[in-house]
Amino acid sequence: MGAVVSCIADCFRAIGACLRGIVNTIGSICMAIINGVVSLVDVIITFFTCGYCGRRRRATRRTGMRRSRI
């Protein structure tokens, strides 16, 4: 009789672990989607507030004449 109860308890534990895994997976997927949307909105807001287009670029052009090493 004790073996049957132990077997039933193990089955319920396995079902519970499976359900917890499914819920955890769904939560992780939702978090990934939400983080992606937040990042996309952040990029759009940064672009429209001149975070990218208005930023001063590094000085890649040099003014004046170059000297030769001769």
PDB file of N, CA and C in Angstrom:
ATOM      1  N   MET A   1       0.823  -1.193   0.000  1.00  0.00           N
ATOM      2  CA  MET A   1       0.000   0.000   0.000  1.00  0.00           C
ATOM      3  C   MET A   1       0.866   1.255   0.000  1.00  0.00           C
ATOM      4  N   GLY A   2       1.962   1.222   0.738  1.00  0.00           N
ATOM      5  CA  GLY A   2       2.868   2.372   0.799  1.00  0.00           C
ATOM      6  C   GLY A   2       3.546   2.621  -0.535  1.00  0.00           C
ATOM      7  N   ALA A   3       3.796   1.557  -1.286  1.00  0.00           N
ATOM      8  CA  ALA A   3       4.445   1.707  -2.584  1.00  0.00           C
ATOM      9  C   ALA A   3       3.511   2.395  -3.582  1.00  0.00           C
ATOM     10  N   VAL A   4       2.225   2.112  -3.500  1.00  0.00           N
ATOM     11  CA  VAL A   4       1.260   2.728  -4.416  1.00  0.00           C
ATOM     12  C   VAL A   4       1.152   4.220  -4.125  1.00  0.00           C
ATOM     13  N   VAL A   5       1.085   4.582  -2.839  1.00  0.00           N
ATOM     14  CA  VAL A   5       1.003   5.993  -2.465  1.00  0.00           C
ATOM     15  C   VAL A   5       2.272   6.728  -2.896  1.00  0.00           C
ATOM     16  N   SER A   6       3.421   6.090  -2.726  1.00  0.00           N
ATOM     17  CA  SER A   6       4.688   6.701  -3.125  1.00  0.00           C
ATOM     18  C   SER A   6       4.740   6.895  -4.640  1.00  0.00           C
ATOM     19  N   CYS A   7       4.230   5.952  -5.383  1.00  0.00           N
ATOM     20  CA  CYS A   7       4.215   6.052  -6.835  1.00  0.00           C
ATOM     21  C   CYS A   7       3.290   7.182  -7.291  1.00  0.00           C
ATOM     22  N   ILE A   8       2.123   7.283  -6.674  1.00  0.00           N
ATOM     23  CA  ILE A   8       1.187   8.351  -7.021  1.00  0.00           C
ATOM     24  C   ILE A   8       1.786   9.717  -6.664  1.00  0.00           C
ATOM     25  N   ALA A   9       2.452   9.802  -5.507  1.00  0.00           N
ATOM     26  CA  ALA A   9       3.081  11.064  -5.098  1.00  0.00           C
ATOM     27  C   ALA A   9       4.183  11.457  -6.078  1.00  0.00           C
ATOM     28  N   ASP A  10       4.962  10.477  -6.531  1.00  0.00           N
ATOM     29  CA  ASP A  10       6.010  10.768  -7.517  1.00  0.00           C
ATOM     30  C   ASP A  10       5.414  11.235  -8.848  1.00  0.00           C
ATOM     31  N   CYS A  11       4.291  10.663  -9.248  1.00  0.00           N
ATOM     32  CA  CYS A  11       3.627  11.099 -10.486  1.00  0.00           C
ATOM     33  C   CYS A  11       3.166  12.546 -10.367  1.00  0.00           C
ATOM     34  N   PHE A  12       2.592  12.903  -9.220  1.00  0.00           N
ATOM     35  CA  PHE A  12       2.158  14.289  -9.024  1.00  0.00           C
ATOM     36  C   PHE A  12       3.349  15.244  -8.995  1.00  0.00           C
ATOM     37  N   ARG A  13       4.471  14.820  -8.403  1.00  0.00           N
ATOM     38  CA  ARG A  13       5.671  15.665  -8.400  1.00  0.00           C
ATOM     39  C   ARG A  13       6.188  15.874  -9.819  1.00  0.00           C
ATOM     40  N   ALA A  14       6.162  14.821 -10.622  1.00  0.00           N
ATOM     41  CA  ALA A  14       6.628  14.931 -12.005  1.00  0.00           C
ATOM     42  C   ALA A  14       5.725  15.863 -12.809  1.00  0.00           C
ATOM     43  N   ILE A  15       4.410  15.743 -12.605  1.00  0.00           N
ATOM     44  CA  ILE A  15       3.473  16.630 -13.300  1.00  0.00           C
ATOM     45  C   ILE A  15       3.679  18.074 -12.854  1.00  0.00           C
ATOM     46  N   GLY A  16       3.876  18.280 -11.571  1.00  0.00           N
ATOM     47  CA  GLY A  16       4.125  19.624 -11.046  1.00  0.00           C
ATOM     48  C   GLY A  16       5.411  20.223 -11.602  1.00  0.00           C
ATOM     49  N   ALA A  17       6.473  19.413 -11.685  1.00  0.00           N
ATOM     50  CA  ALA A  17       7.740  19.900 -12.235  1.00  0.00           C
ATOM     51  C   ALA A  17       7.584  20.252 -13.709  1.00  0.00           C
ATOM     52  N   CYS A  18       6.821  19.462 -14.436  1.00  0.00           N
ATOM     53  CA  CYS A  18       6.579  19.749 -15.850  1.00  0.00           C
ATOM     54  C   CYS A  18       5.805  21.051 -16.012  1.00  0.00           C
ATOM     55  N   LEU A  19       4.783  21.251 -15.206  1.00  0.00           N
ATOM     56  CA  LEU A  19       3.996  22.489 -15.286  1.00  0.00           C
ATOM     57  C   LEU A  19       4.838  23.707 -14.907  1.00  0.00           C
ATOM     58  N   ARG A  20       5.697  23.559 -13.893  1.00  0.00           N
ATOM     59  CA  ARG A  20       6.582  24.665 -13.523  1.00  0.00           C
ATOM     60  C   ARG A  20       7.549  24.992 -14.645  1.00  0.00           C
ATOM     61  N   GLY A  21       8.044  23.973 -15.329  1.00  0.00           N
ATOM     62  CA  GLY A  21       8.943  24.204 -16.462  1.00  0.00           C
ATOM     63  C   GLY A  21       8.244  24.925 -17.608  1.00  0.00           C
ATOM     64  N   ILE A  22       6.992  24.545 -17.878  1.00  0.00           N
ATOM     65  CA  ILE A  22       6.231  25.203 -18.940  1.00  0.00           C
ATOM     66  C   ILE A  22       5.975  26.663 -18.596  1.00  0.00           C
ATOM     67  N   VAL A  23       5.573  26.931 -17.363  1.00  0.00           N
ATOM     68  CA  VAL A  23       5.314  28.307 -16.939  1.00  0.00           C
ATOM     69  C   VAL A  23       6.602  29.133 -16.986  1.00  0.00           C
ATOM     70  N   ASN A  24       7.711  28.548 -16.577  1.00  0.00           N
ATOM     71  CA  ASN A  24       8.997  29.241 -16.610  1.00  0.00           C
ATOM     72  C   ASN A  24       9.395  29.570 -18.046  1.00  0.00           C
ATOM     73  N   THR A  25       9.177  28.647 -18.959  1.00  0.00           N
ATOM     74  CA  THR A  25       9.493  28.885 -20.367  1.00  0.00           C
ATOM     75  C   THR A  25       8.635  29.998 -20.950  1.00  0.00           C
ATOM     76  N   ILE A  26       7.346  29.975 -20.662  1.00  0.00           N
ATOM     77  CA  ILE A  26       6.448  31.026 -21.156  1.00  0.00           C
ATOM     78  C   ILE A  26       6.868  32.383 -20.593  1.00  0.00           C
ATOM     79  N   GLY A  27       7.227  32.422 -19.329  1.00  0.00           N
ATOM     80  CA  GLY A  27       7.695  33.671 -18.724  1.00  0.00           C
ATOM     81  C   GLY A  27       8.980  34.173 -19.369  1.00  0.00           C
ATOM     82  N   SER A  28       9.909  33.275 -19.674  1.00  0.00           N
ATOM     83  CA  SER A  28      11.157  33.676 -20.313  1.00  0.00           C
ATOM     84  C   SER A  28      10.910  34.216 -21.715  1.00  0.00           C
ATOM     85  N   ILE A  29      10.006  33.590 -22.448  1.00  0.00           N
ATOM     86  CA  ILE A  29       9.676  34.063 -23.798  1.00  0.00           C
ATOM     87  C   ILE A  29       9.045  35.451 -23.730  1.00  0.00           C
ATOM     88  N   CYS A  30       8.125  35.649 -22.790  1.00  0.00           N
ATOM     89  CA  CYS A  30       7.490  36.972 -22.636  1.00  0.00           C
ATOM     90  C   CYS A  30       8.518  38.031 -22.282  1.00  0.00           C
ATOM     91  N   MET A  31       9.446  37.707 -21.392  1.00  0.00           N
ATOM     92  CA  MET A  31      10.479  38.665 -21.013  1.00  0.00           C
ATOM     93  C   MET A  31      11.370  39.012 -22.197  1.00  0.00           C
ATOM     94  N   ALA A  32      11.717  38.021 -23.030  1.00  0.00           N
ATOM     95  CA  ALA A  32      12.555  38.289 -24.199  1.00  0.00           C
ATOM     96  C   ALA A  32      11.834  39.200 -25.187  1.00  0.00           C
ATOM     97  N   ILE A  33      10.552  38.962 -25.401  1.00  0.00           N
ATOM     98  CA  ILE A  33       9.779  39.802 -26.321  1.00  0.00           C
ATOM     99  C   ILE A  33       9.678  41.220 -25.772  1.00  0.00           C
ATOM    100  N   ILE A  34       9.384  41.352 -24.486  1.00  0.00           N
ATOM    101  CA  ILE A  34       9.251  42.681 -23.876  1.00  0.00           C
ATOM    102  C   ILE A  34      10.586  43.428 -23.932  1.00  0.00           C
ATOM    103  N   ASN A  35      11.694  42.746 -23.639  1.00  0.00           N
ATOM    104  CA  ASN A  35      13.006  43.400 -23.701  1.00  0.00           C
ATOM    105  C   ASN A  35      13.328  43.847 -25.121  1.00  0.00           C
ATOM    106  N   GLY A  36      12.960  43.048 -26.114  1.00  0.00           N
ATOM    107  CA  GLY A  36      13.183  43.436 -27.504  1.00  0.00           C
ATOM    108  C   GLY A  36      12.381  44.667 -27.885  1.00  0.00           C
ATOM    109  N   VAL A  37      11.129  44.718 -27.464  1.00  0.00           N
ATOM    110  CA  VAL A  37      10.285  45.873 -27.773  1.00  0.00           C
ATOM    111  C   VAL A  37      10.821  47.122 -27.077  1.00  0.00           C
ATOM    112  N   VAL A  38      11.234  46.985 -25.835  1.00  0.00           N
ATOM    113  CA  VAL A  38      11.775  48.128 -25.100  1.00  0.00           C
ATOM    114  C   VAL A  38      13.049  48.635 -25.770  1.00  0.00           C
ATOM    115  N   SER A  39      13.909  47.738 -26.206  1.00  0.00           N
ATOM    116  CA  SER A  39      15.140  48.152 -26.881  1.00  0.00           C
ATOM    117  C   SER A  39      14.834  48.865 -28.195  1.00  0.00           C
ATOM    118  N   LEU A  40      13.874  48.354 -28.947  1.00  0.00           N
ATOM    119  CA  LEU A  40      13.496  48.983 -30.207  1.00  0.00           C
ATOM    120  C   LEU A  40      12.933  50.381 -29.976  1.00  0.00           C
ATOM    121  N   VAL A  41      12.061  50.532 -28.991  1.00  0.00           N
ATOM    122  CA  VAL A  41      11.498  51.847 -28.683  1.00  0.00           C
ATOM    123  C   VAL A  41      12.603  52.793 -28.212  1.00  0.00           C
ATOM    124  N   ASP A  42      13.557  52.291 -27.458  1.00  0.00           N
ATOM    125  CA  ASP A  42      14.673  53.113 -26.990  1.00  0.00           C
ATOM    126  C   ASP A  42      15.497  53.624 -28.165  1.00  0.00           C
ATOM    127  N   VAL A  43      15.749  52.763 -29.135  1.00  0.00           N
ATOM    128  CA  VAL A  43      16.504  53.182 -30.314  1.00  0.00           C
ATOM    129  C   VAL A  43      15.737  54.236 -31.097  1.00  0.00           C
ATOM    130  N   ILE A  44      14.442  54.038 -31.269  1.00  0.00           N
ATOM    131  CA  ILE A  44      13.627  54.999 -32.016  1.00  0.00           C
ATOM    132  C   ILE A  44      13.594  56.347 -31.300  1.00  0.00           C
ATOM    133  N   ILE A  45      13.399  56.330 -29.992  1.00  0.00           N
ATOM    134  CA  ILE A  45      13.370  57.581 -29.228  1.00  0.00           C
ATOM    135  C   ILE A  45      14.724  58.278 -29.289  1.00  0.00           C
ATOM    136  N   THR A  46      15.795  57.521 -29.177  1.00  0.00           N
ATOM    137  CA  THR A  46      17.125  58.110 -29.237  1.00  0.00           C
ATOM    138  C   THR A  46      17.374  58.730 -30.601  1.00  0.00           C
ATOM    139  N   PHE A  47      16.908  58.065 -31.667  1.00  0.00           N
ATOM    140  CA  PHE A  47      17.100  58.602 -33.007  1.00  0.00           C
ATOM    141  C   PHE A  47      16.323  59.897 -33.197  1.00  0.00           C
ATOM    142  N   PHE A  48      15.060  59.912 -32.769  1.00  0.00           N
ATOM    143  CA  PHE A  48      14.231  61.099 -32.977  1.00  0.00           C
ATOM    144  C   PHE A  48      14.612  62.265 -32.083  1.00  0.00           C
ATOM    145  N   THR A  49      15.296  62.004 -30.996  1.00  0.00           N
ATOM    146  CA  THR A  49      15.753  63.094 -30.139  1.00  0.00           C
ATOM    147  C   THR A  49      17.195  63.467 -30.441  1.00  0.00           C
ATOM    148  N   CYS A  50      17.629  63.115 -31.640  1.00  0.00           N
ATOM    149  CA  CYS A  50      18.965  63.448 -32.149  1.00  0.00           C
ATOM    150  C   CYS A  50      20.070  62.858 -31.284  1.00  0.00           C
ATOM    151  N   GLY A  51      19.857  61.699 -30.761  1.00  0.00           N
ATOM    152  CA  GLY A  51      20.917  61.014 -30.042  1.00  0.00           C
ATOM    153  C   GLY A  51      21.946  60.457 -31.006  1.00  0.00           C
ATOM    154  N   TYR A  52      21.495  59.993 -32.174  1.00  0.00           N
ATOM    155  CA  TYR A  52      22.420  59.468 -33.170  1.00  0.00           C
ATOM    156  C   TYR A  52      22.766  60.525 -34.210  1.00  0.00           C
ATOM    157  N   CYS A  53      21.749  61.199 -34.725  1.00  0.00           N
ATOM    158  CA  CYS A  53      21.998  62.118 -35.835  1.00  0.00           C
ATOM    159  C   CYS A  53      22.631  63.415 -35.369  1.00  0.00           C
ATOM    160  N   GLY A  54      22.469  63.800 -34.131  1.00  0.00           N
ATOM    161  CA  GLY A  54      23.015  65.064 -33.661  1.00  0.00           C
ATOM    162  C   GLY A  54      24.309  64.925 -32.895  1.00  0.00           C
ATOM    163  N   ARG A  55      24.758  63.721 -32.704  1.00  0.00           N
ATOM    164  CA  ARG A  55      25.974  63.493 -31.929  1.00  0.00           C
ATOM    165  C   ARG A  55      27.188  63.972 -32.715  1.00  0.00           C
ATOM    166  N   ARG A  56      28.108  64.600 -32.037  1.00  0.00           N
ATOM    167  CA  ARG A  56      29.312  65.064 -32.714  1.00  0.00           C
ATOM    168  C   ARG A  56      30.165  63.873 -33.078  1.00  0.00           C
ATOM    169  N   ARG A  57      30.581  63.869 -34.291  1.00  0.00           N
ATOM    170  CA  ARG A  57      31.416  62.762 -34.756  1.00  0.00           C
ATOM    171  C   ARG A  57      32.851  63.003 -34.339  1.00  0.00           C
ATOM    172  N   ARG A  58      33.575  61.911 -34.263  1.00  0.00           N
ATOM    173  CA  ARG A  58      34.985  62.036 -33.927  1.00  0.00           C
ATOM    174  C   ARG A  58      35.715  62.724 -35.073  1.00  0.00           C
ATOM    175  N   ALA A  59      36.738  63.416 -34.731  1.00  0.00           N
ATOM    176  CA  ALA A  59      37.480  64.168 -35.743  1.00  0.00           C
ATOM    177  C   ALA A  59      38.232  63.193 -36.636  1.00  0.00           C
ATOM    178  N   THR A  60      37.662  62.900 -37.778  1.00  0.00           N
ATOM    179  CA  THR A  60      38.333  62.020 -38.720  1.00  0.00           C
ATOM    180  C   THR A  60      39.003  62.827 -39.822  1.00  0.00           C
ATOM    181  N   ARG A  61      38.513  64.046 -40.027  1.00  0.00           N
ATOM    182  CA  ARG A  61      39.127  64.902 -41.036  1.00  0.00           C
ATOM    183  C   ARG A  61      40.177  65.770 -40.370  1.00  0.00           C
ATOM    184  N   ARG A  62      41.277  65.896 -41.040  1.00  0.00           N
ATOM    185  CA  ARG A  62      42.333  66.753 -40.507  1.00  0.00           C
ATOM    186  C   ARG A  62      42.364  68.038 -41.323  1.00  0.00           C
ATOM    187  N   THR A  63      42.537  69.122 -40.643  1.00  0.00           N
ATOM    188  CA  THR A  63      42.628  70.393 -41.336  1.00  0.00           C
ATOM    189  C   THR A  63      44.086  70.724 -41.560  1.00  0.00           C
ATOM    190  N   GLY A  64      44.356  71.459 -42.588  1.00  0.00           N
ATOM    191  CA  GLY A  64      45.719  71.852 -42.877  1.00  0.00           C
ATOM    192  C   GLY A  64      46.393  70.883 -43.831  1.00  0.00           C
ATOM    193  N   MET A  65      47.650  71.164 -44.070  1.00  0.00           N
ATOM    194  CA  MET A  65      48.400  70.323 -44.997  1.00  0.00           C
ATOM    195  C   MET A  65      49.167  69.255 -44.219  1.00  0.00           C
ATOM    196  N   ARG A  66      49.309  68.143 -44.845  1.00  0.00           N
ATOM    197  CA  ARG A  66      50.132  67.101 -44.222  1.00  0.00           C
ATOM    198  C   ARG A  66      51.603  67.338 -44.551  1.00  0.00           C
ATOM    199  N   ARG A  67      52.402  67.034 -43.613  1.00  0.00           N
ATOM    200  CA  ARG A  67      53.849  67.138 -43.849  1.00  0.00           C
ATOM    201  C   ARG A  67      54.362  65.782 -44.294  1.00  0.00           C
ATOM    202  N   SER A  68      55.303  65.823 -45.168  1.00  0.00           N
ATOM    203  CA  SER A  68      55.940  64.560 -45.543  1.00  0.00           C
ATOM    204  C   SER A  68      57.133  64.352 -44.632  1.00  0.00           C
ATOM    205  N   ARG A  69      57.569  63.152 -44.538  1.00  0.00           N
ATOM    206  CA  ARG A  69      58.697  62.833 -43.635  1.00  0.00           C
ATOM    207  C   ARG A  69      60.031  62.929 -44.323  1.00  0.00           C
ATOM    208  N   ILE A  70      60.081  63.546 -45.450  1.00  0.00           N
ATOM    209  CA  ILE A  70      61.343  63.608 -46.178  1.00  0.00           C
ATOM    210  C   ILE A  70      62.238  64.647 -45.563  1.00  0.00           C
TER     211      ILE A  70
END
